[in-house]
Amino acid sequence: MLTTLHSKLLSLKNHPGFQRYASNTSWMMAEQILRIIAGLFVGIWVARYLGPEQFGLFSYVLAFTAIFGGVAKLGLDGIIVRELVNQPELSDTYLGTAFWLKVIGAFIVMALMALIVPFTSNDATTNLFIFIIAAGLIFQSFEVVEFYFQSQVQAKLVSICKVIQLVFSSIIKVYLVLTQAELIWFVLVATFDAFSLAASYLIAYKLKNNNLYFKFFEVKIAKSLIKDSWPLVFSSLVVMIYMRIDQIMIKEMMGEYEVGIYAAAVKISEAFYFIPGIITVSLFPAIINAKNISEKILEGRIQKLYSLLIWIGLSISIPVTIFNKEIINTLYGLAYADSAAIMAIHVWSSVFVFLGVAFGRILIVENKAIITLKRTVLGVILNVSLNFILIPLYGLIGAAIATLIAQLVANYMYDLLDKRVRKHWKLKTFAFFIPIKFMLRGVRS
């Protein structure tokens, strides 16, 4: 049996397709590991320096802006990759059209924020911070370059761009802590991060001797992209709402100090959310190709993808729950001790978040993006409703429970309610029981 398994692993290792996708995934994984390390040594250092109250205000501003940032993306991410894979000869036109749509979307979102902010309880300083960070949404348009490299399964240049930006950002933050800078400087760094990443993307694209895509814009393609992506626009909005609304509601119902305590816990449990994104993005072209071959092959690859993500989620949640106090005390210090119990609950959301990331991409392949909207709307309704009920009763623990239930329903139980995706409920359920030796065969078997 061991001989057979060994021979299968060797065969998989030497498979050209596996080597290509493994290399692509390894570059993205390495970049994200460096990002986690930076988050642990720099981001947490910043949190300790600012203290729960100022860190809470900073987290609130980031959460508020992130909700609208999802809308500015216009739901084009997966769709552009799909079109670049299917129609590579039109890459410049698709990239240029997507770029200008995102620029327009950024300005529309900023105008919308200007209308909404006066109705909040924020003071002038908080609103200033919000709009400083919101300015970075314009530079978000340059991420179309990343979609191009994703479609080519060439993550190396994109990963290098992100590492360079991460290094500059980390150095600046360390300097700000050492010089005991005020909070506004950390806010400005957030906008600088968006600008520097956009600049590095542009340089990477030119290094491949590609034509600049700015001069391309096709109205017909723009209409087609908007038609396919509009459900994902609303889906992105509701996704960000039920991932960030808890921090906004905590500020309104409890205060900035409590936001800081909660945000510290969430920062740890969400540190692993890059994993399903990397795996799914890297294998997305393979899933698209599988649909063009046969339904059986497609379901086989989806099944293995679900299994892999579930087991990774469980392998993270269990130790974090067991060692929650040690993790918080070591990383944040005693000032954040109350974050431990929150993290022990919130981290279990990762299992269902992992499934949701993969499921969302698969729905794009199956041209069922409207389902993504429906399930996320259900999730946000549950999250907001449960927050209103559980926060007054259980405080920050209640907010963590609300998030966990919302993720469970939106990314798993919803499949039972909609017959169009009921087969995915079966695939996800069975994925909990697939032996690890089957997963070793790989998504690209």
Protein backbone atom coordinates (compact mmCIF):
# COMPACT_ATOMS: atom_id res chain seq x y z
CA MET A 1 0.00 0.00 0.00
CA LEU A 2 2.84 2.39 0.90
CA THR A 3 4.59 1.51 -2.36
CA THR A 4 1.45 2.30 -4.35
CA LEU A 5 0.95 5.60 -2.52
CA HIS A 6 4.62 6.51 -3.06
CA SER A 7 4.41 5.79 -6.78
CA LYS A 8 1.26 7.88 -7.09
CA LEU A 9 2.93 10.79 -5.30
CA LEU A 10 5.95 10.56 -7.60
CA SER A 11 3.69 10.47 -10.64
CA LEU A 12 1.80 13.52 -9.37
CA LYS A 13 5.05 15.36 -8.61
CA ASN A 14 6.36 14.80 -12.15
CA HIS A 15 3.08 15.74 -13.85
CA PRO A 16 3.70 18.95 -15.91
CA GLY A 17 0.29 20.38 -15.06
CA PHE A 18 0.78 19.75 -11.35
CA GLN A 19 4.25 21.33 -11.42
CA ARG A 20 2.87 24.45 -13.11
CA TYR A 21 0.00 24.93 -10.67
CA ALA A 22 2.11 23.93 -7.65
CA SER A 23 4.73 26.54 -8.58
CA ASN A 24 2.00 29.14 -9.04
CA THR A 25 0.47 28.31 -5.68
CA SER A 26 3.83 28.24 -3.89
CA TRP A 27 4.65 31.80 -4.94
CA MET A 28 1.31 33.10 -3.66
CA MET A 29 1.64 31.03 -0.49
CA ALA A 30 5.13 32.36 0.19
CA GLU A 31 3.94 35.96 -0.22
CA GLN A 32 1.03 35.42 2.12
CA ILE A 33 3.23 33.69 4.71
CA LEU A 34 5.48 36.75 4.68
CA ARG A 35 2.36 38.89 5.07
CA ILE A 36 1.31 36.88 8.12
CA ILE A 37 4.78 37.22 9.62
CA ALA A 38 4.67 40.97 9.01
CA GLY A 39 1.22 41.05 10.57
CA LEU A 40 2.48 39.25 13.65
CA PHE A 41 5.65 41.28 14.13
CA VAL A 42 4.48 44.65 12.79
CA GLY A 43 0.67 44.74 12.80
CA ILE A 44 0.41 43.40 16.33
CA TRP A 45 3.23 45.70 17.45
CA VAL A 46 1.18 48.60 16.11
CA ALA A 47 -1.87 47.32 18.01
CA ARG A 48 0.12 47.10 21.23
CA TYR A 49 1.49 50.62 20.70
CA LEU A 50 -1.88 52.17 19.94
CA GLY A 51 -3.72 50.38 22.76
CA PRO A 52 -7.27 48.95 22.59
CA GLU A 53 -9.04 52.33 22.24
CA GLN A 54 -6.98 53.87 19.41
CA PHE A 55 -6.60 50.48 17.75
CA GLY A 56 -10.36 50.14 18.00
CA LEU A 57 -10.86 53.47 16.23
CA PHE A 58 -8.37 52.49 13.53
CA SER A 59 -10.09 49.12 13.06
CA TYR A 60 -13.49 50.79 12.86
CA VAL A 61 -12.29 53.15 10.11
CA LEU A 62 -10.79 50.24 8.16
CA ALA A 63 -13.99 48.20 8.58
CA PHE A 64 -16.23 51.08 7.49
CA THR A 65 -14.14 51.70 4.37
CA ALA A 66 -13.82 47.99 3.55
CA ILE A 67 -17.58 47.66 3.25
CA PHE A 68 -17.63 50.18 0.43
CA GLY A 69 -14.35 48.91 -1.03
CA GLY A 70 -16.03 45.65 -1.94
CA VAL A 71 -18.54 47.57 -4.07
CA ALA A 72 -15.74 49.47 -5.86
CA LYS A 73 -14.38 46.15 -7.13
CA LEU A 74 -17.64 45.79 -9.13
CA GLY A 75 -17.54 42.00 -8.76
CA LEU A 76 -15.22 41.75 -11.74
CA ASP A 77 -12.37 39.73 -10.21
CA GLY A 78 -13.37 36.18 -11.09
CA ILE A 79 -15.21 37.21 -14.25
CA ILE A 80 -12.17 38.94 -15.75
CA VAL A 81 -10.00 35.88 -15.05
CA ARG A 82 -12.63 33.69 -16.71
CA GLU A 83 -12.74 35.86 -19.83
CA LEU A 84 -8.96 36.14 -20.04
CA VAL A 85 -8.70 32.35 -19.93
CA ASN A 86 -11.41 31.87 -22.54
CA GLN A 87 -10.47 34.80 -24.83
CA PRO A 88 -6.76 35.56 -24.41
CA GLU A 89 -6.63 37.38 -27.74
CA LEU A 90 -8.82 40.14 -26.23
CA SER A 91 -6.76 40.53 -23.04
CA ASP A 92 -5.87 44.22 -23.61
CA THR A 93 -9.49 45.13 -24.28
CA TYR A 94 -10.78 43.27 -21.24
CA LEU A 95 -8.08 44.69 -18.96
CA GLY A 96 -8.61 48.26 -20.16
CA THR A 97 -12.38 48.04 -19.91
CA ALA A 98 -12.22 46.53 -16.43
CA PHE A 99 -9.70 49.15 -15.31
CA TRP A 100 -11.90 52.11 -16.30
CA LEU A 101 -15.00 50.47 -14.86
CA LYS A 102 -13.18 50.13 -11.54
CA VAL A 103 -12.04 53.78 -11.64
CA ILE A 104 -15.63 54.89 -12.22
CA GLY A 105 -16.79 52.55 -9.46
CA ALA A 106 -14.27 54.04 -7.01
CA PHE A 107 -15.54 57.59 -7.55
CA ILE A 108 -19.16 56.50 -7.28
CA VAL A 109 -18.43 54.72 -4.00
CA MET A 110 -16.65 57.76 -2.56
CA ALA A 111 -19.64 59.92 -3.46
CA LEU A 112 -21.94 57.41 -1.77
CA MET A 113 -19.79 57.48 1.36
CA ALA A 114 -20.01 61.28 1.41
CA LEU A 115 -23.80 60.97 1.52
CA ILE A 116 -23.85 58.32 4.26
CA VAL A 117 -21.16 59.59 6.67
CA PRO A 118 -23.19 62.60 7.93
CA PHE A 119 -25.82 60.18 9.29
CA THR A 120 -23.31 58.35 11.50
CA SER A 121 -22.31 59.28 15.04
CA ASN A 122 -18.70 59.81 13.97
CA ASP A 123 -16.81 62.93 14.91
CA ALA A 124 -14.92 65.02 12.33
CA THR A 125 -11.60 63.27 12.95
CA THR A 126 -13.08 59.82 12.38
CA ASN A 127 -14.69 60.96 9.13
CA LEU A 128 -11.39 62.46 7.98
CA PHE A 129 -9.69 59.12 8.57
CA ILE A 130 -12.40 57.35 6.58
CA PHE A 131 -11.92 59.51 3.50
CA ILE A 132 -8.13 59.33 3.65
CA ILE A 133 -8.32 55.55 3.43
CA ALA A 134 -11.15 55.71 0.86
CA ALA A 135 -8.83 57.59 -1.50
CA GLY A 136 -6.93 54.34 -1.91
CA LEU A 137 -9.93 52.80 -3.70
CA ILE A 138 -8.87 54.62 -6.88
CA PHE A 139 -5.53 52.77 -6.93
CA GLN A 140 -7.42 49.51 -6.43
CA SER A 141 -8.24 49.69 -10.15
CA PHE A 142 -4.69 48.61 -11.03
CA GLU A 143 -5.34 45.13 -9.63
CA VAL A 144 -6.58 44.13 -13.11
CA VAL A 145 -2.90 43.33 -13.70
CA GLU A 146 -3.17 40.64 -11.06
CA PHE A 147 -6.13 39.12 -12.92
CA TYR A 148 -4.01 38.94 -16.06
CA PHE A 149 -1.23 37.03 -14.30
CA GLN A 150 -3.80 34.76 -12.61
CA SER A 151 -5.21 33.79 -16.00
CA GLN A 152 -1.67 32.98 -17.18
CA VAL A 153 -0.92 30.99 -14.00
CA GLN A 154 2.06 33.33 -13.44
CA ALA A 155 1.91 34.44 -9.84
CA LYS A 156 5.63 35.11 -9.48
CA LEU A 157 5.64 38.77 -10.58
CA VAL A 158 2.45 39.60 -8.66
CA SER A 159 3.90 38.00 -5.52
CA ILE A 160 7.12 39.98 -5.90
CA CYS A 161 5.09 43.19 -6.25
CA LYS A 162 3.20 42.45 -3.07
CA VAL A 163 6.35 41.55 -1.15
CA ILE A 164 8.03 44.84 -2.17
CA GLN A 165 4.96 46.80 -1.08
CA LEU A 166 4.79 44.83 2.17
CA VAL A 167 8.44 45.55 2.99
CA PHE A 168 8.06 49.31 2.42
CA SER A 169 4.84 49.41 4.43
CA SER A 170 6.33 47.44 7.32
CA ILE A 171 9.43 49.65 7.50
CA ILE A 172 7.27 52.77 7.63
CA LYS A 173 5.04 51.35 10.38
CA VAL A 174 8.04 50.32 12.48
CA TYR A 175 9.43 53.83 12.10
CA LEU A 176 6.10 55.33 13.18
CA VAL A 177 6.00 53.16 16.29
CA LEU A 178 9.61 53.95 17.22
CA THR A 179 8.98 57.69 16.81
CA GLN A 180 5.66 57.45 18.70
CA ALA A 181 3.69 58.90 15.82
CA GLU A 182 0.02 59.89 16.07
CA LEU A 183 -2.77 57.72 14.71
CA ILE A 184 -3.30 59.80 11.55
CA TRP A 185 0.10 58.69 10.22
CA PHE A 186 -0.94 55.04 10.39
CA VAL A 187 -4.09 55.99 8.50
CA LEU A 188 -2.00 57.67 5.80
CA VAL A 189 0.11 54.53 5.46
CA ALA A 190 -3.02 52.56 4.56
CA THR A 191 -3.54 54.84 1.55
CA PHE A 192 0.16 54.70 0.67
CA ASP A 193 -0.10 50.89 0.63
CA ALA A 194 -2.73 51.06 -2.11
CA PHE A 195 -0.66 53.54 -4.15
CA SER A 196 2.62 51.64 -3.87
CA LEU A 197 0.99 48.33 -4.80
CA ALA A 198 -0.62 49.93 -7.86
CA ALA A 199 2.76 51.31 -8.96
CA SER A 200 4.45 47.92 -8.59
CA TYR A 201 1.64 46.22 -10.55
CA LEU A 202 2.14 48.64 -13.42
CA ILE A 203 5.89 48.03 -13.45
CA ALA A 204 5.39 44.25 -13.44
CA TYR A 205 3.00 44.45 -16.38
CA LYS A 206 5.49 46.50 -18.41
CA LEU A 207 8.29 44.06 -17.62
CA LYS A 208 6.36 41.45 -19.58
CA ASN A 209 6.52 43.77 -22.61
CA ASN A 210 2.77 44.14 -22.67
CA ASN A 211 0.95 47.09 -24.18
CA LEU A 212 -0.53 49.50 -21.69
CA TYR A 213 -4.21 48.78 -21.41
CA PHE A 214 -5.35 52.32 -20.46
CA LYS A 215 -6.23 53.23 -24.05
CA PHE A 216 -8.64 50.31 -24.41
CA PHE A 217 -12.31 50.52 -23.55
CA GLU A 218 -15.08 48.64 -25.32
CA VAL A 219 -18.65 49.63 -24.50
CA LYS A 220 -20.05 46.29 -25.62
CA ILE A 221 -17.65 44.39 -23.37
CA ALA A 222 -18.33 46.82 -20.50
CA LYS A 223 -22.06 46.11 -20.75
CA SER A 224 -21.39 42.37 -20.85
CA LEU A 225 -19.13 42.54 -17.79
CA ILE A 226 -21.65 44.61 -15.83
CA LYS A 227 -24.44 42.22 -16.81
CA ASP A 228 -22.47 39.25 -15.49
CA SER A 229 -21.06 41.00 -12.43
CA TRP A 230 -23.96 43.01 -10.99
CA PRO A 231 -25.04 40.17 -8.66
CA LEU A 232 -21.43 39.96 -7.45
CA VAL A 233 -21.37 43.72 -6.76
CA PHE A 234 -24.21 43.36 -4.28
CA SER A 235 -22.70 40.11 -3.07
CA SER A 236 -19.38 41.85 -2.34
CA LEU A 237 -21.27 44.52 -0.43
CA VAL A 238 -23.17 42.08 1.75
CA VAL A 239 -20.04 39.91 2.21
CA MET A 240 -18.13 42.87 3.58
CA ILE A 241 -21.12 43.91 5.68
CA TYR A 242 -21.40 40.59 7.46
CA MET A 243 -17.61 40.37 7.83
CA ARG A 244 -17.24 43.92 9.19
CA ILE A 245 -20.66 44.97 10.49
CA ASP A 246 -19.90 43.43 13.87
CA GLN A 247 -17.10 45.96 14.49
CA ILE A 248 -19.30 48.86 13.37
CA MET A 249 -22.18 47.71 15.57
CA ILE A 250 -19.86 47.15 18.54
CA LYS A 251 -18.64 50.74 18.25
CA GLU A 252 -22.20 52.07 18.18
CA MET A 253 -23.47 49.78 20.96
CA MET A 254 -20.40 49.55 23.22
CA GLY A 255 -17.47 51.79 22.27
CA GLU A 256 -14.07 52.08 20.59
CA TYR A 257 -12.24 50.20 23.37
CA GLU A 258 -14.45 47.15 22.82
CA VAL A 259 -13.85 47.37 19.06
CA GLY A 260 -10.13 47.15 19.77
CA ILE A 261 -10.54 44.03 21.92
CA TYR A 262 -12.75 42.38 19.31
CA ALA A 263 -10.57 43.44 16.35
CA ALA A 264 -7.49 41.91 17.99
CA ALA A 265 -9.24 38.52 18.19
CA VAL A 266 -10.57 38.76 14.65
CA LYS A 267 -7.15 39.73 13.30
CA ILE A 268 -5.74 36.38 14.40
CA SER A 269 -8.60 34.20 13.18
CA GLU A 270 -8.79 36.05 9.86
CA ALA A 271 -5.02 35.84 9.33
CA PHE A 272 -5.59 32.48 7.65
CA TYR A 273 -8.29 33.63 5.23
CA PHE A 274 -5.69 34.00 2.49
CA ILE A 275 -5.38 30.21 2.20
CA PRO A 276 -8.63 29.41 0.32
CA GLY A 277 -8.12 32.46 -1.88
CA ILE A 278 -4.66 31.33 -2.96
CA ILE A 279 -5.64 27.71 -3.54
CA THR A 280 -8.85 28.57 -5.38
CA VAL A 281 -7.33 31.34 -7.50
CA SER A 282 -4.42 29.12 -8.50
CA LEU A 283 -6.70 26.23 -9.46
CA PHE A 284 -9.46 28.36 -11.00
CA PRO A 285 -8.23 27.86 -14.59
CA ALA A 286 -8.19 24.10 -13.99
CA ILE A 287 -11.79 24.16 -12.77
CA ILE A 288 -12.83 26.21 -15.81
CA ASN A 289 -11.14 23.68 -18.08
CA ALA A 290 -12.80 20.78 -16.25
CA LYS A 291 -16.24 22.21 -17.02
CA ASN A 292 -15.31 22.18 -20.68
CA ILE A 293 -14.35 18.49 -20.47
CA SER A 294 -17.12 16.80 -18.48
CA GLU A 295 -19.43 17.28 -15.51
CA LYS A 296 -17.98 14.23 -13.76
CA ILE A 297 -14.43 15.57 -13.87
CA LEU A 298 -15.67 18.97 -12.68
CA GLU A 299 -17.46 17.46 -9.66
CA GLY A 300 -14.43 15.35 -8.84
CA ARG A 301 -12.15 18.37 -8.70
CA ILE A 302 -14.69 20.39 -6.71
CA GLN A 303 -15.06 17.54 -4.21
CA LYS A 304 -11.32 17.35 -3.61
CA LEU A 305 -11.06 21.14 -3.33
CA TYR A 306 -13.78 21.23 -0.65
CA SER A 307 -12.05 18.40 1.24
CA LEU A 308 -8.69 20.10 1.20
CA LEU A 309 -10.10 23.41 2.45
CA ILE A 310 -12.18 21.84 5.21
CA TRP A 311 -9.25 19.88 6.63
CA ILE A 312 -7.02 22.93 6.51
CA GLY A 313 -9.72 24.92 8.34
CA LEU A 314 -10.04 22.28 11.05
CA SER A 315 -6.27 22.01 11.48
CA ILE A 316 -6.22 25.76 12.22
CA SER A 317 -9.33 26.05 14.40
CA ILE A 318 -8.56 23.24 16.83
CA PRO A 319 -5.10 24.40 18.08
CA VAL A 320 -6.13 28.07 18.12
CA THR A 321 -9.08 27.15 20.35
CA ILE A 322 -6.92 25.08 22.70
CA PHE A 323 -4.18 27.68 23.08
CA ASN A 324 -6.29 30.85 22.80
CA LYS A 325 -5.03 32.50 26.02
CA GLU A 326 -1.38 31.77 25.32
CA ILE A 327 -1.68 33.15 21.78
CA ILE A 328 -3.31 36.44 22.82
CA ASN A 329 -1.08 37.05 25.84
CA THR A 330 2.08 36.34 23.84
CA LEU A 331 1.14 38.45 20.82
CA TYR A 332 -0.88 41.35 22.26
CA GLY A 333 -0.12 41.39 25.97
CA LEU A 334 -2.40 41.49 29.00
CA ALA A 335 -4.19 44.63 27.79
CA TYR A 336 -5.95 42.42 25.22
CA ALA A 337 -6.54 39.40 27.49
CA ASP A 338 -10.31 39.52 26.90
CA SER A 339 -9.69 38.82 23.20
CA ALA A 340 -8.80 35.16 23.89
CA ALA A 341 -12.32 33.79 24.40
CA ILE A 342 -13.61 35.76 21.40
CA MET A 343 -10.89 34.34 19.16
CA ALA A 344 -11.62 30.76 20.32
CA ILE A 345 -15.17 31.10 18.95
CA HIS A 346 -14.57 33.30 15.93
CA VAL A 347 -11.81 31.09 14.50
CA TRP A 348 -14.32 28.31 13.73
CA SER A 349 -15.88 30.58 11.13
CA SER A 350 -12.79 29.91 9.02
CA VAL A 351 -14.00 26.42 8.11
CA PHE A 352 -17.11 27.85 6.47
CA VAL A 353 -15.34 30.90 5.08
CA PHE A 354 -12.92 28.56 3.31
CA LEU A 355 -15.84 26.70 1.76
CA GLY A 356 -17.53 29.96 0.82
CA VAL A 357 -14.50 31.29 -1.06
CA ALA A 358 -14.27 28.15 -3.19
CA PHE A 359 -18.05 27.94 -3.65
CA GLY A 360 -18.22 31.54 -4.87
CA ARG A 361 -15.62 30.87 -7.57
CA ILE A 362 -17.35 27.66 -8.62
CA LEU A 363 -20.67 29.49 -9.00
CA ILE A 364 -18.93 31.85 -11.42
CA VAL A 365 -17.82 28.85 -13.50
CA GLU A 366 -21.39 27.53 -13.46
CA ASN A 367 -22.75 31.01 -14.33
CA LYS A 368 -24.85 31.09 -11.15
CA ALA A 369 -23.54 34.31 -9.63
CA ILE A 370 -27.04 35.30 -8.52
CA ILE A 371 -26.90 32.47 -5.97
CA THR A 372 -23.83 34.07 -4.40
CA LEU A 373 -25.92 37.19 -3.85
CA LYS A 374 -28.81 35.28 -2.29
CA ARG A 375 -26.72 33.27 0.15
CA THR A 376 -24.70 36.27 1.28
CA VAL A 377 -27.84 38.37 1.76
CA LEU A 378 -29.16 35.61 4.00
CA GLY A 379 -25.87 35.63 5.89
CA VAL A 380 -25.84 39.40 6.48
CA ILE A 381 -29.46 39.42 7.62
CA LEU A 382 -28.67 36.71 10.13
CA ASN A 383 -25.49 38.41 11.30
CA VAL A 384 -27.07 41.82 11.85
CA SER A 385 -30.16 40.34 13.51
CA LEU A 386 -28.13 38.11 15.82
CA ASN A 387 -25.82 41.01 16.71
CA PHE A 388 -28.82 43.05 17.86
CA ILE A 389 -29.89 40.13 20.05
CA LEU A 390 -26.59 38.65 21.27
CA ILE A 391 -24.39 41.73 21.83
CA PRO A 392 -26.66 43.16 24.56
CA LEU A 393 -26.86 39.69 26.16
CA TYR A 394 -23.30 38.39 25.84
CA GLY A 395 -21.23 41.37 24.72
CA LEU A 396 -18.28 40.63 22.42
CA ILE A 397 -18.78 36.87 22.76
CA GLY A 398 -22.25 37.37 21.29
CA ALA A 399 -20.80 39.12 18.24
CA ALA A 400 -18.42 36.20 17.64
CA ILE A 401 -21.28 33.69 17.92
CA ALA A 402 -23.38 35.74 15.47
CA THR A 403 -20.56 35.69 12.91
CA LEU A 404 -20.07 31.94 13.25
CA ILE A 405 -23.77 31.17 12.77
CA ALA A 406 -24.02 33.52 9.78
CA GLN A 407 -21.03 31.89 8.05
CA LEU A 408 -22.38 28.41 8.75
CA VAL A 409 -25.76 29.21 7.21
CA ALA A 410 -24.52 31.22 4.21
CA ASN A 411 -21.73 28.88 3.14
CA TYR A 412 -23.15 25.47 4.05
CA MET A 413 -26.79 25.24 5.13
CA TYR A 414 -28.03 27.49 2.31
CA ASP A 415 -27.31 24.69 -0.17
CA LEU A 416 -30.16 22.66 1.34
CA LEU A 417 -32.63 25.48 0.66
CA ASP A 418 -31.80 25.94 -3.03
CA LYS A 419 -32.24 22.87 -5.23
CA ARG A 420 -29.93 24.38 -7.87
CA VAL A 421 -26.93 23.88 -5.57
CA ARG A 422 -28.13 21.05 -3.38
CA LYS A 423 -25.49 18.78 -4.90
CA HIS A 424 -22.87 21.08 -3.34
CA TRP A 425 -24.31 20.44 0.13
CA LYS A 426 -23.69 16.75 -0.47
CA LEU A 427 -20.19 17.41 -1.78
CA LYS A 428 -19.36 19.62 1.23
CA THR A 429 -20.84 17.16 3.73
CA PHE A 430 -18.97 14.22 2.24
CA ALA A 431 -15.82 16.35 2.20
CA PHE A 432 -15.68 16.17 6.02
CA PHE A 433 -15.22 12.40 5.80
CA ILE A 434 -12.86 11.92 2.87
CA PRO A 435 -9.62 10.31 4.10
CA ILE A 436 -6.53 12.46 3.72
CA LYS A 437 -4.89 9.91 1.43
CA PHE A 438 -7.51 10.69 -1.21
CA MET A 439 -6.75 14.40 -0.94
CA LEU A 440 -3.12 13.64 -1.68
CA ARG A 441 -4.15 12.76 -5.20
CA GLY A 442 -4.63 16.50 -5.71
CA VAL A 443 -7.33 18.64 -7.19
CA ARG A 444 -5.69 18.16 -10.59
CA SER A 445 -5.79 14.35 -10.67
